[in-house]
Amino acid sequence: MDITLIYYLVPAMIMFCCGIYGFITRRNMIAMLISLELMLNAVDINFVVFNRFLYPEAMEGMFFTLFAIAIAAAETAVAIAIIINVFRAVNNVDARDLNKLKN
């Protein structure tokens, strides 16, 4: 039995859709960050899969994925620092309470 492209794309699509749903419905900034990371991981899976099936001898998809993982790690570190500062100012990590920072 040969594993085709669809076996990789369906879980990646499910991950991406769950990430979108979580980002839209959640108001907790930590949950929104986790949903964003879920979407980025789904995109990384797609990079690797399309590289493997379209250009099996090339490594560009793998390099894009490693680059995206490094960018996601840096983005997560900055986002956690921002969330910690918001928590210190508002004592809550609810996205609706960000308007209190304007005062």
PDB file of N, CA and C in Angstrom:
ATOM      1  N   MET A   1       0.841  -1.182   0.000  1.00  0.00           N
ATOM      2  CA  MET A   1       0.000   0.000   0.000  1.00  0.00           C
ATOM      3  C   MET A   1       0.883   1.242   0.000  1.00  0.00           C
ATOM      4  N   ASP A   2       0.634   2.097  -0.927  1.00  0.00           N
ATOM      5  CA  ASP A   2       1.427   3.312  -1.065  1.00  0.00           C
ATOM      6  C   ASP A   2       0.734   4.464  -0.338  1.00  0.00           C
ATOM      7  N   ILE A   3       1.496   5.184   0.444  1.00  0.00           N
ATOM      8  CA  ILE A   3       0.951   6.336   1.159  1.00  0.00           C
ATOM      9  C   ILE A   3       0.944   7.527   0.202  1.00  0.00           C
ATOM     10  N   THR A   4      -0.230   8.068  -0.027  1.00  0.00           N
ATOM     11  CA  THR A   4      -0.364   9.180  -0.965  1.00  0.00           C
ATOM     12  C   THR A   4      -0.360  10.513  -0.219  1.00  0.00           C
ATOM     13  N   LEU A   5      -0.465  11.554  -0.993  1.00  0.00           N
ATOM     14  CA  LEU A   5      -0.414  12.916  -0.470  1.00  0.00           C
ATOM     15  C   LEU A   5      -1.565  13.219   0.480  1.00  0.00           C
ATOM     16  N   ILE A   6      -2.705  12.629   0.232  1.00  0.00           N
ATOM     17  CA  ILE A   6      -3.906  12.947   1.018  1.00  0.00           C
ATOM     18  C   ILE A   6      -3.765  12.515   2.473  1.00  0.00           C
ATOM     19  N   TYR A   7      -2.967  11.467   2.729  1.00  0.00           N
ATOM     20  CA  TYR A   7      -2.780  10.994   4.092  1.00  0.00           C
ATOM     21  C   TYR A   7      -2.035  12.012   4.963  1.00  0.00           C
ATOM     22  N   TYR A   8      -1.314  12.900   4.338  1.00  0.00           N
ATOM     23  CA  TYR A   8      -0.618  13.953   5.073  1.00  0.00           C
ATOM     24  C   TYR A   8      -1.400  15.258   5.090  1.00  0.00           C
ATOM     25  N   LEU A   9      -2.104  15.531   4.002  1.00  0.00           N
ATOM     26  CA  LEU A   9      -2.795  16.808   3.900  1.00  0.00           C
ATOM     27  C   LEU A   9      -4.044  16.885   4.762  1.00  0.00           C
ATOM     28  N   VAL A  10      -4.743  15.779   4.936  1.00  0.00           N
ATOM     29  CA  VAL A  10      -5.961  15.799   5.755  1.00  0.00           C
ATOM     30  C   VAL A  10      -5.638  16.111   7.222  1.00  0.00           C
ATOM     31  N   PRO A  11      -4.663  15.441   7.864  1.00  0.00           N
ATOM     32  CA  PRO A  11      -4.349  15.840   9.250  1.00  0.00           C
ATOM     33  C   PRO A  11      -3.832  17.280   9.360  1.00  0.00           C
ATOM     34  N   ALA A  12      -3.056  17.723   8.358  1.00  0.00           N
ATOM     35  CA  ALA A  12      -2.582  19.104   8.380  1.00  0.00           C
ATOM     36  C   ALA A  12      -3.747  20.079   8.249  1.00  0.00           C
ATOM     37  N   MET A  13      -4.715  19.741   7.409  1.00  0.00           N
ATOM     38  CA  MET A  13      -5.889  20.599   7.251  1.00  0.00           C
ATOM     39  C   MET A  13      -6.712  20.631   8.540  1.00  0.00           C
ATOM     40  N   ILE A  14      -6.855  19.478   9.180  1.00  0.00           N
ATOM     41  CA  ILE A  14      -7.593  19.421  10.444  1.00  0.00           C
ATOM     42  C   ILE A  14      -6.881  20.245  11.512  1.00  0.00           C
ATOM     43  N   MET A  15      -5.559  20.135  11.568  1.00  0.00           N
ATOM     44  CA  MET A  15      -4.791  20.940  12.528  1.00  0.00           C
ATOM     45  C   MET A  15      -4.973  22.426  12.266  1.00  0.00           C
ATOM     46  N   PHE A  16      -4.897  22.809  11.000  1.00  0.00           N
ATOM     47  CA  PHE A  16      -5.025  24.228  10.655  1.00  0.00           C
ATOM     48  C   PHE A  16      -6.415  24.745  10.994  1.00  0.00           C
ATOM     49  N   CYS A  17      -7.437  23.959  10.691  1.00  0.00           N
ATOM     50  CA  CYS A  17      -8.812  24.389  10.990  1.00  0.00           C
ATOM     51  C   CYS A  17      -9.045  24.473  12.498  1.00  0.00           C
ATOM     52  N   CYS A  18      -8.489  23.541  13.249  1.00  0.00           N
ATOM     53  CA  CYS A  18      -8.597  23.617  14.713  1.00  0.00           C
ATOM     54  C   CYS A  18      -7.886  24.853  15.244  1.00  0.00           C
ATOM     55  N   GLY A  19      -6.749  25.200  14.641  1.00  0.00           N
ATOM     56  CA  GLY A  19      -6.041  26.405  15.043  1.00  0.00           C
ATOM     57  C   GLY A  19      -6.825  27.666  14.753  1.00  0.00           C
ATOM     58  N   ILE A  20      -7.451  27.729  13.587  1.00  0.00           N
ATOM     59  CA  ILE A  20      -8.280  28.884  13.247  1.00  0.00           C
ATOM     60  C   ILE A  20      -9.465  28.993  14.195  1.00  0.00           C
ATOM     61  N   TYR A  21     -10.123  27.862  14.442  1.00  0.00           N
ATOM     62  CA  TYR A  21     -11.264  27.863  15.353  1.00  0.00           C
ATOM     63  C   TYR A  21     -10.849  28.302  16.758  1.00  0.00           C
ATOM     64  N   GLY A  22      -9.734  27.783  17.238  1.00  0.00           N
ATOM     65  CA  GLY A  22      -9.262  28.170  18.565  1.00  0.00           C
ATOM     66  C   GLY A  22      -8.868  29.630  18.649  1.00  0.00           C
ATOM     67  N   PHE A  23      -8.260  30.144  17.592  1.00  0.00           N
ATOM     68  CA  PHE A  23      -7.836  31.543  17.606  1.00  0.00           C
ATOM     69  C   PHE A  23      -9.035  32.482  17.587  1.00  0.00           C
ATOM     70  N   ILE A  24     -10.067  32.114  16.843  1.00  0.00           N
ATOM     71  CA  ILE A  24     -11.243  32.976  16.732  1.00  0.00           C
ATOM     72  C   ILE A  24     -12.114  32.915  17.982  1.00  0.00           C
ATOM     73  N   THR A  25     -12.268  31.732  18.565  1.00  0.00           N
ATOM     74  CA  THR A  25     -13.216  31.571  19.663  1.00  0.00           C
ATOM     75  C   THR A  25     -12.629  31.854  21.033  1.00  0.00           C
ATOM     76  N   ARG A  26     -11.356  31.730  21.217  1.00  0.00           N
ATOM     77  CA  ARG A  26     -10.743  31.928  22.540  1.00  0.00           C
ATOM     78  C   ARG A  26     -10.434  33.392  22.783  1.00  0.00           C
ATOM     79  N   ARG A  27     -10.516  33.785  24.027  1.00  0.00           N
ATOM     80  CA  ARG A  27     -10.156  35.144  24.406  1.00  0.00           C
ATOM     81  C   ARG A  27      -8.925  35.173  25.309  1.00  0.00           C
ATOM     82  N   ASN A  28      -8.516  34.028  25.777  1.00  0.00           N
ATOM     83  CA  ASN A  28      -7.304  33.925  26.581  1.00  0.00           C
ATOM     84  C   ASN A  28      -6.108  34.018  25.633  1.00  0.00           C
ATOM     85  N   MET A  29      -5.185  34.914  25.923  1.00  0.00           N
ATOM     86  CA  MET A  29      -4.066  35.131  25.015  1.00  0.00           C
ATOM     87  C   MET A  29      -3.148  33.917  24.919  1.00  0.00           C
ATOM     88  N   ILE A  30      -3.015  33.136  25.980  1.00  0.00           N
ATOM     89  CA  ILE A  30      -2.206  31.918  25.929  1.00  0.00           C
ATOM     90  C   ILE A  30      -2.862  30.908  24.981  1.00  0.00           C
ATOM     91  N   ALA A  31      -4.174  30.734  25.067  1.00  0.00           N
ATOM     92  CA  ALA A  31      -4.877  29.816  24.169  1.00  0.00           C
ATOM     93  C   ALA A  31      -4.796  30.300  22.728  1.00  0.00           C
ATOM     94  N   MET A  32      -4.841  31.600  22.518  1.00  0.00           N
ATOM     95  CA  MET A  32      -4.704  32.142  21.167  1.00  0.00           C
ATOM     96  C   MET A  32      -3.303  31.871  20.619  1.00  0.00           C
ATOM     97  N   LEU A  33      -2.295  31.980  21.475  1.00  0.00           N
ATOM     98  CA  LEU A  33      -0.925  31.699  21.063  1.00  0.00           C
ATOM     99  C   LEU A  33      -0.758  30.225  20.718  1.00  0.00           C
ATOM    100  N   ILE A  34      -1.346  29.338  21.499  1.00  0.00           N
ATOM    101  CA  ILE A  34      -1.277  27.906  21.208  1.00  0.00           C
ATOM    102  C   ILE A  34      -1.979  27.598  19.882  1.00  0.00           C
ATOM    103  N   SER A  35      -3.097  28.250  19.629  1.00  0.00           N
ATOM    104  CA  SER A  35      -3.803  28.050  18.365  1.00  0.00           C
ATOM    105  C   SER A  35      -2.969  28.541  17.189  1.00  0.00           C
ATOM    106  N   LEU A  36      -2.297  29.646  17.371  1.00  0.00           N
ATOM    107  CA  LEU A  36      -1.415  30.159  16.321  1.00  0.00           C
ATOM    108  C   LEU A  36      -0.275  29.189  16.041  1.00  0.00           C
ATOM    109  N   GLU A  37       0.291  28.619  17.085  1.00  0.00           N
ATOM    110  CA  GLU A  37       1.367  27.641  16.915  1.00  0.00           C
ATOM    111  C   GLU A  37       0.853  26.384  16.219  1.00  0.00           C
ATOM    112  N   LEU A  38      -0.377  25.997  16.499  1.00  0.00           N
ATOM    113  CA  LEU A  38      -0.977  24.846  15.829  1.00  0.00           C
ATOM    114  C   LEU A  38      -1.104  25.104  14.328  1.00  0.00           C
ATOM    115  N   MET A  39      -1.500  26.317  13.963  1.00  0.00           N
ATOM    116  CA  MET A  39      -1.589  26.660  12.551  1.00  0.00           C
ATOM    117  C   MET A  39      -0.215  26.661  11.893  1.00  0.00           C
ATOM    118  N   LEU A  40       0.789  27.170  12.591  1.00  0.00           N
ATOM    119  CA  LEU A  40       2.139  27.178  12.026  1.00  0.00           C
ATOM    120  C   LEU A  40       2.684  25.764  11.847  1.00  0.00           C
ATOM    121  N   ASN A  41       2.373  24.866  12.769  1.00  0.00           N
ATOM    122  CA  ASN A  41       2.814  23.477  12.625  1.00  0.00           C
ATOM    123  C   ASN A  41       2.134  22.794  11.453  1.00  0.00           C
ATOM    124  N   ALA A  42       0.875  23.113  11.199  1.00  0.00           N
ATOM    125  CA  ALA A  42       0.187  22.553  10.033  1.00  0.00           C
ATOM    126  C   ALA A  42       0.848  23.036   8.745  1.00  0.00           C
ATOM    127  N   VAL A  43       1.247  24.287   8.709  1.00  0.00           N
ATOM    128  CA  VAL A  43       1.937  24.815   7.530  1.00  0.00           C
ATOM    129  C   VAL A  43       3.291  24.135   7.359  1.00  0.00           C
ATOM    130  N   ASP A  44       3.991  23.885   8.455  1.00  0.00           N
ATOM    131  CA  ASP A  44       5.272  23.182   8.376  1.00  0.00           C
ATOM    132  C   ASP A  44       5.107  21.777   7.818  1.00  0.00           C
ATOM    133  N   ILE A  45       4.048  21.093   8.212  1.00  0.00           N
ATOM    134  CA  ILE A  45       3.775  19.766   7.660  1.00  0.00           C
ATOM    135  C   ILE A  45       3.568  19.860   6.153  1.00  0.00           C
ATOM    136  N   ASN A  46       2.839  20.878   5.725  1.00  0.00           N
ATOM    137  CA  ASN A  46       2.606  21.048   4.281  1.00  0.00           C
ATOM    138  C   ASN A  46       3.895  21.340   3.527  1.00  0.00           C
ATOM    139  N   PHE A  47       4.786  22.138   4.091  1.00  0.00           N
ATOM    140  CA  PHE A  47       6.080  22.396   3.461  1.00  0.00           C
ATOM    141  C   PHE A  47       6.821  21.090   3.215  1.00  0.00           C
ATOM    142  N   VAL A  48       6.904  20.267   4.232  1.00  0.00           N
ATOM    143  CA  VAL A  48       7.659  19.020   4.120  1.00  0.00           C
ATOM    144  C   VAL A  48       6.987  18.057   3.144  1.00  0.00           C
ATOM    145  N   VAL A  49       5.681  17.929   3.227  1.00  0.00           N
ATOM    146  CA  VAL A  49       4.968  16.982   2.368  1.00  0.00           C
ATOM    147  C   VAL A  49       5.068  17.373   0.907  1.00  0.00           C
ATOM    148  N   PHE A  50       4.835  18.644   0.599  1.00  0.00           N
ATOM    149  CA  PHE A  50       4.913  19.047  -0.796  1.00  0.00           C
ATOM    150  C   PHE A  50       6.336  18.949  -1.325  1.00  0.00           C
ATOM    151  N   ASN A  51       7.310  19.220  -0.489  1.00  0.00           N
ATOM    152  CA  ASN A  51       8.690  19.036  -0.920  1.00  0.00           C
ATOM    153  C   ASN A  51       8.966  17.565  -1.210  1.00  0.00           C
ATOM    154  N   ARG A  52       8.492  16.699  -0.355  1.00  0.00           N
ATOM    155  CA  ARG A  52       8.743  15.265  -0.512  1.00  0.00           C
ATOM    156  C   ARG A  52       8.080  14.699  -1.760  1.00  0.00           C
ATOM    157  N   PHE A  53       6.868  15.141  -2.053  1.00  0.00           N
ATOM    158  CA  PHE A  53       6.146  14.578  -3.189  1.00  0.00           C
ATOM    159  C   PHE A  53       6.457  15.267  -4.513  1.00  0.00           C
ATOM    160  N   LEU A  54       6.767  16.556  -4.501  1.00  0.00           N
ATOM    161  CA  LEU A  54       7.025  17.257  -5.757  1.00  0.00           C
ATOM    162  C   LEU A  54       8.490  17.201  -6.165  1.00  0.00           C
ATOM    163  N   TYR A  55       9.371  17.394  -5.188  1.00  0.00           N
ATOM    164  CA  TYR A  55      10.813  17.408  -5.466  1.00  0.00           C
ATOM    165  C   TYR A  55      11.524  16.530  -4.443  1.00  0.00           C
ATOM    166  N   PRO A  56      11.474  15.214  -4.605  1.00  0.00           N
ATOM    167  CA  PRO A  56      12.042  14.336  -3.573  1.00  0.00           C
ATOM    168  C   PRO A  56      13.553  14.455  -3.417  1.00  0.00           C
ATOM    169  N   GLU A  57      14.250  14.915  -4.451  1.00  0.00           N
ATOM    170  CA  GLU A  57      15.706  15.034  -4.343  1.00  0.00           C
ATOM    171  C   GLU A  57      16.133  16.366  -3.730  1.00  0.00           C
ATOM    172  N   ALA A  58      15.243  17.340  -3.656  1.00  0.00           N
ATOM    173  CA  ALA A  58      15.575  18.670  -3.139  1.00  0.00           C
ATOM    174  C   ALA A  58      15.267  18.747  -1.649  1.00  0.00           C
ATOM    175  N   MET A  59      15.871  19.731  -0.996  1.00  0.00           N
ATOM    176  CA  MET A  59      15.699  19.892   0.451  1.00  0.00           C
ATOM    177  C   MET A  59      15.102  21.251   0.822  1.00  0.00           C
ATOM    178  N   GLU A  60      14.562  21.986  -0.136  1.00  0.00           N
ATOM    179  CA  GLU A  60      14.069  23.328   0.147  1.00  0.00           C
ATOM    180  C   GLU A  60      12.924  23.320   1.152  1.00  0.00           C
ATOM    181  N   GLY A  61      12.009  22.372   1.031  1.00  0.00           N
ATOM    182  CA  GLY A  61      10.889  22.291   1.972  1.00  0.00           C
ATOM    183  C   GLY A  61      11.360  22.058   3.397  1.00  0.00           C
ATOM    184  N   MET A  62      12.392  21.238   3.556  1.00  0.00           N
ATOM    185  CA  MET A  62      12.939  20.985   4.884  1.00  0.00           C
ATOM    186  C   MET A  62      13.586  22.250   5.456  1.00  0.00           C
ATOM    187  N   PHE A  63      14.306  22.979   4.597  1.00  0.00           N
ATOM    188  CA  PHE A  63      14.950  24.201   5.067  1.00  0.00           C
ATOM    189  C   PHE A  63      13.922  25.272   5.414  1.00  0.00           C
ATOM    190  N   PHE A  64      12.860  25.380   4.607  1.00  0.00           N
ATOM    191  CA  PHE A  64      11.789  26.319   4.933  1.00  0.00           C
ATOM    192  C   PHE A  64      11.139  25.953   6.261  1.00  0.00           C
ATOM    193  N   THR A  65      10.971  24.660   6.494  1.00  0.00           N
ATOM    194  CA  THR A  65      10.368  24.215   7.748  1.00  0.00           C
ATOM    195  C   THR A  65      11.262  24.540   8.934  1.00  0.00           C
ATOM    196  N   LEU A  66      12.550  24.287   8.823  1.00  0.00           N
ATOM    197  CA  LEU A  66      13.470  24.624   9.916  1.00  0.00           C
ATOM    198  C   LEU A  66      13.485  26.127  10.171  1.00  0.00           C
ATOM    199  N   PHE A  67      13.472  26.911   9.112  1.00  0.00           N
ATOM    200  CA  PHE A  67      13.417  28.360   9.250  1.00  0.00           C
ATOM    201  C   PHE A  67      12.117  28.792   9.923  1.00  0.00           C
ATOM    202  N   ALA A  68      11.000  28.190   9.516  1.00  0.00           N
ATOM    203  CA  ALA A  68       9.702  28.527  10.111  1.00  0.00           C
ATOM    204  C   ALA A  68       9.640  28.130  11.580  1.00  0.00           C
ATOM    205  N   ILE A  69      10.251  27.015  11.938  1.00  0.00           N
ATOM    206  CA  ILE A  69      10.277  26.606  13.347  1.00  0.00           C
ATOM    207  C   ILE A  69      11.096  27.595  14.169  1.00  0.00           C
ATOM    208  N   ALA A  70      12.222  28.050  13.626  1.00  0.00           N
ATOM    209  CA  ALA A  70      13.039  29.032  14.342  1.00  0.00           C
ATOM    210  C   ALA A  70      12.295  30.358  14.509  1.00  0.00           C
ATOM    211  N   ILE A  71      11.616  30.793  13.468  1.00  0.00           N
ATOM    212  CA  ILE A  71      10.827  32.023  13.553  1.00  0.00           C
ATOM    213  C   ILE A  71       9.691  31.855  14.552  1.00  0.00           C
ATOM    214  N   ALA A  72       9.046  30.694  14.556  1.00  0.00           N
ATOM    215  CA  ALA A  72       7.948  30.440  15.496  1.00  0.00           C
ATOM    216  C   ALA A  72       8.445  30.437  16.937  1.00  0.00           C
ATOM    217  N   ALA A  73       9.643  29.915  17.173  1.00  0.00           N
ATOM    218  CA  ALA A  73      10.201  29.925  18.526  1.00  0.00           C
ATOM    219  C   ALA A  73      10.477  31.351  18.990  1.00  0.00           C
ATOM    220  N   ALA A  74      11.033  32.167  18.106  1.00  0.00           N
ATOM    221  CA  ALA A  74      11.288  33.567  18.461  1.00  0.00           C
ATOM    222  C   ALA A  74       9.980  34.318  18.671  1.00  0.00           C
ATOM    223  N   GLU A  75       9.003  34.059  17.825  1.00  0.00           N
ATOM    224  CA  GLU A  75       7.694  34.705  17.963  1.00  0.00           C
ATOM    225  C   GLU A  75       7.023  34.304  19.271  1.00  0.00           C
ATOM    226  N   THR A  76       7.160  33.056  19.646  1.00  0.00           N
ATOM    227  CA  THR A  76       6.575  32.594  20.902  1.00  0.00           C
ATOM    228  C   THR A  76       7.245  33.253  22.099  1.00  0.00           C
ATOM    229  N   ALA A  77       8.543  33.392  22.056  1.00  0.00           N
ATOM    230  CA  ALA A  77       9.254  34.041  23.164  1.00  0.00           C
ATOM    231  C   ALA A  77       8.814  35.493  23.321  1.00  0.00           C
ATOM    232  N   VAL A  78       8.678  36.206  22.214  1.00  0.00           N
ATOM    233  CA  VAL A  78       8.237  37.601  22.275  1.00  0.00           C
ATOM    234  C   VAL A  78       6.784  37.677  22.743  1.00  0.00           C
ATOM    235  N   ALA A  79       5.937  36.782  22.245  1.00  0.00           N
ATOM    236  CA  ALA A  79       4.527  36.792  22.644  1.00  0.00           C
ATOM    237  C   ALA A  79       4.366  36.486  24.131  1.00  0.00           C
ATOM    238  N   ILE A  80       5.126  35.543  24.648  1.00  0.00           N
ATOM    239  CA  ILE A  80       5.056  35.229  26.083  1.00  0.00           C
ATOM    240  C   ILE A  80       5.516  36.427  26.906  1.00  0.00           C
ATOM    241  N   ALA A  81       6.548  37.126  26.450  1.00  0.00           N
ATOM    242  CA  ALA A  81       7.006  38.320  27.176  1.00  0.00           C
ATOM    243  C   ALA A  81       5.918  39.396  27.176  1.00  0.00           C
ATOM    244  N   ILE A  82       5.249  39.581  26.056  1.00  0.00           N
ATOM    245  CA  ILE A  82       4.165  40.560  25.992  1.00  0.00           C
ATOM    246  C   ILE A  82       3.012  40.142  26.899  1.00  0.00           C
ATOM    247  N   ILE A  83       2.670  38.861  26.891  1.00  0.00           N
ATOM    248  CA  ILE A  83       1.576  38.375  27.732  1.00  0.00           C
ATOM    249  C   ILE A  83       1.917  38.543  29.209  1.00  0.00           C
ATOM    250  N   ILE A  84       3.153  38.308  29.591  1.00  0.00           N
ATOM    251  CA  ILE A  84       3.561  38.509  30.988  1.00  0.00           C
ATOM    252  C   ILE A  84       3.433  39.973  31.381  1.00  0.00           C
ATOM    253  N   ASN A  85       3.845  40.882  30.505  1.00  0.00           N
ATOM    254  CA  ASN A  85       3.709  42.317  30.803  1.00  0.00           C
ATOM    255  C   ASN A  85       2.256  42.746  30.876  1.00  0.00           C
ATOM    256  N   VAL A  86       1.406  42.187  30.016  1.00  0.00           N
ATOM    257  CA  VAL A  86      -0.024  42.486  30.094  1.00  0.00           C
ATOM    258  C   VAL A  86      -0.599  41.974  31.398  1.00  0.00           C
ATOM    259  N   PHE A  87      -0.187  40.777  31.806  1.00  0.00           N
ATOM    260  CA  PHE A  87      -0.684  40.216  33.058  1.00  0.00           C
ATOM    261  C   PHE A  87      -0.257  41.074  34.253  1.00  0.00           C
ATOM    262  N   ARG A  88       0.953  41.596  34.211  1.00  0.00           N
ATOM    263  CA  ARG A  88       1.413  42.467  35.306  1.00  0.00           C
ATOM    264  C   ARG A  88       0.602  43.752  35.377  1.00  0.00           C
ATOM    265  N   ALA A  89       0.183  44.261  34.218  1.00  0.00           N
ATOM    266  CA  ALA A  89      -0.554  45.524  34.197  1.00  0.00           C
ATOM    267  C   ALA A  89      -2.029  45.343  34.510  1.00  0.00           C
ATOM    268  N   VAL A  90      -2.640  44.251  34.026  1.00  0.00           N
ATOM    269  CA  VAL A  90      -4.087  44.102  34.105  1.00  0.00           C
ATOM    270  C   VAL A  90      -4.502  42.996  35.082  1.00  0.00           C
ATOM    271  N   ASN A  91      -3.579  42.112  35.448  1.00  0.00           N
ATOM    272  CA  ASN A  91      -3.849  40.933  36.283  1.00  0.00           C
ATOM    273  C   ASN A  91      -4.826  39.976  35.622  1.00  0.00           C
ATOM    274  N   ASN A  92      -4.778  39.918  34.293  1.00  0.00           N
ATOM    275  CA  ASN A  92      -5.628  39.024  33.535  1.00  0.00           C
ATOM    276  C   ASN A  92      -5.010  38.869  32.150  1.00  0.00           C
ATOM    277  N   VAL A  93      -5.219  37.721  31.513  1.00  0.00           N
ATOM    278  CA  VAL A  93      -4.705  37.523  30.163  1.00  0.00           C
ATOM    279  C   VAL A  93      -5.836  37.398  29.151  1.00  0.00           C
ATOM    280  N   ASP A  94      -6.962  37.985  29.473  1.00  0.00           N
ATOM    281  CA  ASP A  94      -8.097  37.994  28.559  1.00  0.00           C
ATOM    282  C   ASP A  94      -7.877  39.089  27.512  1.00  0.00           C
ATOM    283  N   ALA A  95      -8.083  38.750  26.256  1.00  0.00           N
ATOM    284  CA  ALA A  95      -7.834  39.704  25.177  1.00  0.00           C
ATOM    285  C   ALA A  95      -8.790  40.885  25.225  1.00  0.00           C
ATOM    286  N   ARG A  96      -9.962  40.697  25.825  1.00  0.00           N
ATOM    287  CA  ARG A  96     -10.920  41.805  25.916  1.00  0.00           C
ATOM    288  C   ARG A  96     -10.475  42.876  26.913  1.00  0.00           C
ATOM    289  N   ASP A  97      -9.587  42.516  27.825  1.00  0.00           N
ATOM    290  CA  ASP A  97      -9.118  43.469  28.828  1.00  0.00           C
ATOM    291  C   ASP A  97      -7.955  44.324  28.353  1.00  0.00           C
ATOM    292  N   LEU A  98      -7.566  44.190  27.101  1.00  0.00           N
ATOM    293  CA  LEU A  98      -6.444  44.978  26.571  1.00  0.00           C
ATOM    294  C   LEU A  98      -6.797  46.467  26.471  1.00  0.00           C
ATOM    295  N   ASN A  99      -8.083  46.787  26.423  1.00  0.00           N
ATOM    296  CA  ASN A  99      -8.491  48.206  26.370  1.00  0.00           C
ATOM    297  C   ASN A  99      -8.137  48.925  27.655  1.00  0.00           C
ATOM    298  N   LYS A 100      -7.957  48.196  28.758  1.00  0.00           N
ATOM    299  CA  LYS A 100      -7.581  48.827  30.036  1.00  0.00           C
ATOM    300  C   LYS A 100      -6.162  49.362  29.986  1.00  0.00           C
ATOM    301  N   LEU A 101      -5.354  48.908  29.030  1.00  0.00           N
ATOM    302  CA  LEU A 101      -3.972  49.388  28.920  1.00  0.00           C
ATOM    303  C   LEU A 101      -3.900  50.787  28.340  1.00  0.00           C
ATOM    304  N   LYS A 102      -4.968  51.270  27.722  1.00  0.00           N
ATOM    305  CA  LYS A 102      -4.964  52.600  27.118  1.00  0.00           C
ATOM    306  C   LYS A 102      -4.933  53.699  28.158  1.00  0.00           C
ATOM    307  N   ASN A 103      -5.424  53.441  29.347  1.00  0.00           N
ATOM    308  CA  ASN A 103      -5.474  54.471  30.391  1.00  0.00           C
ATOM    309  C   ASN A 103      -4.130  54.724  31.017  1.00  0.00           C
TER     310      ASN A 103
END
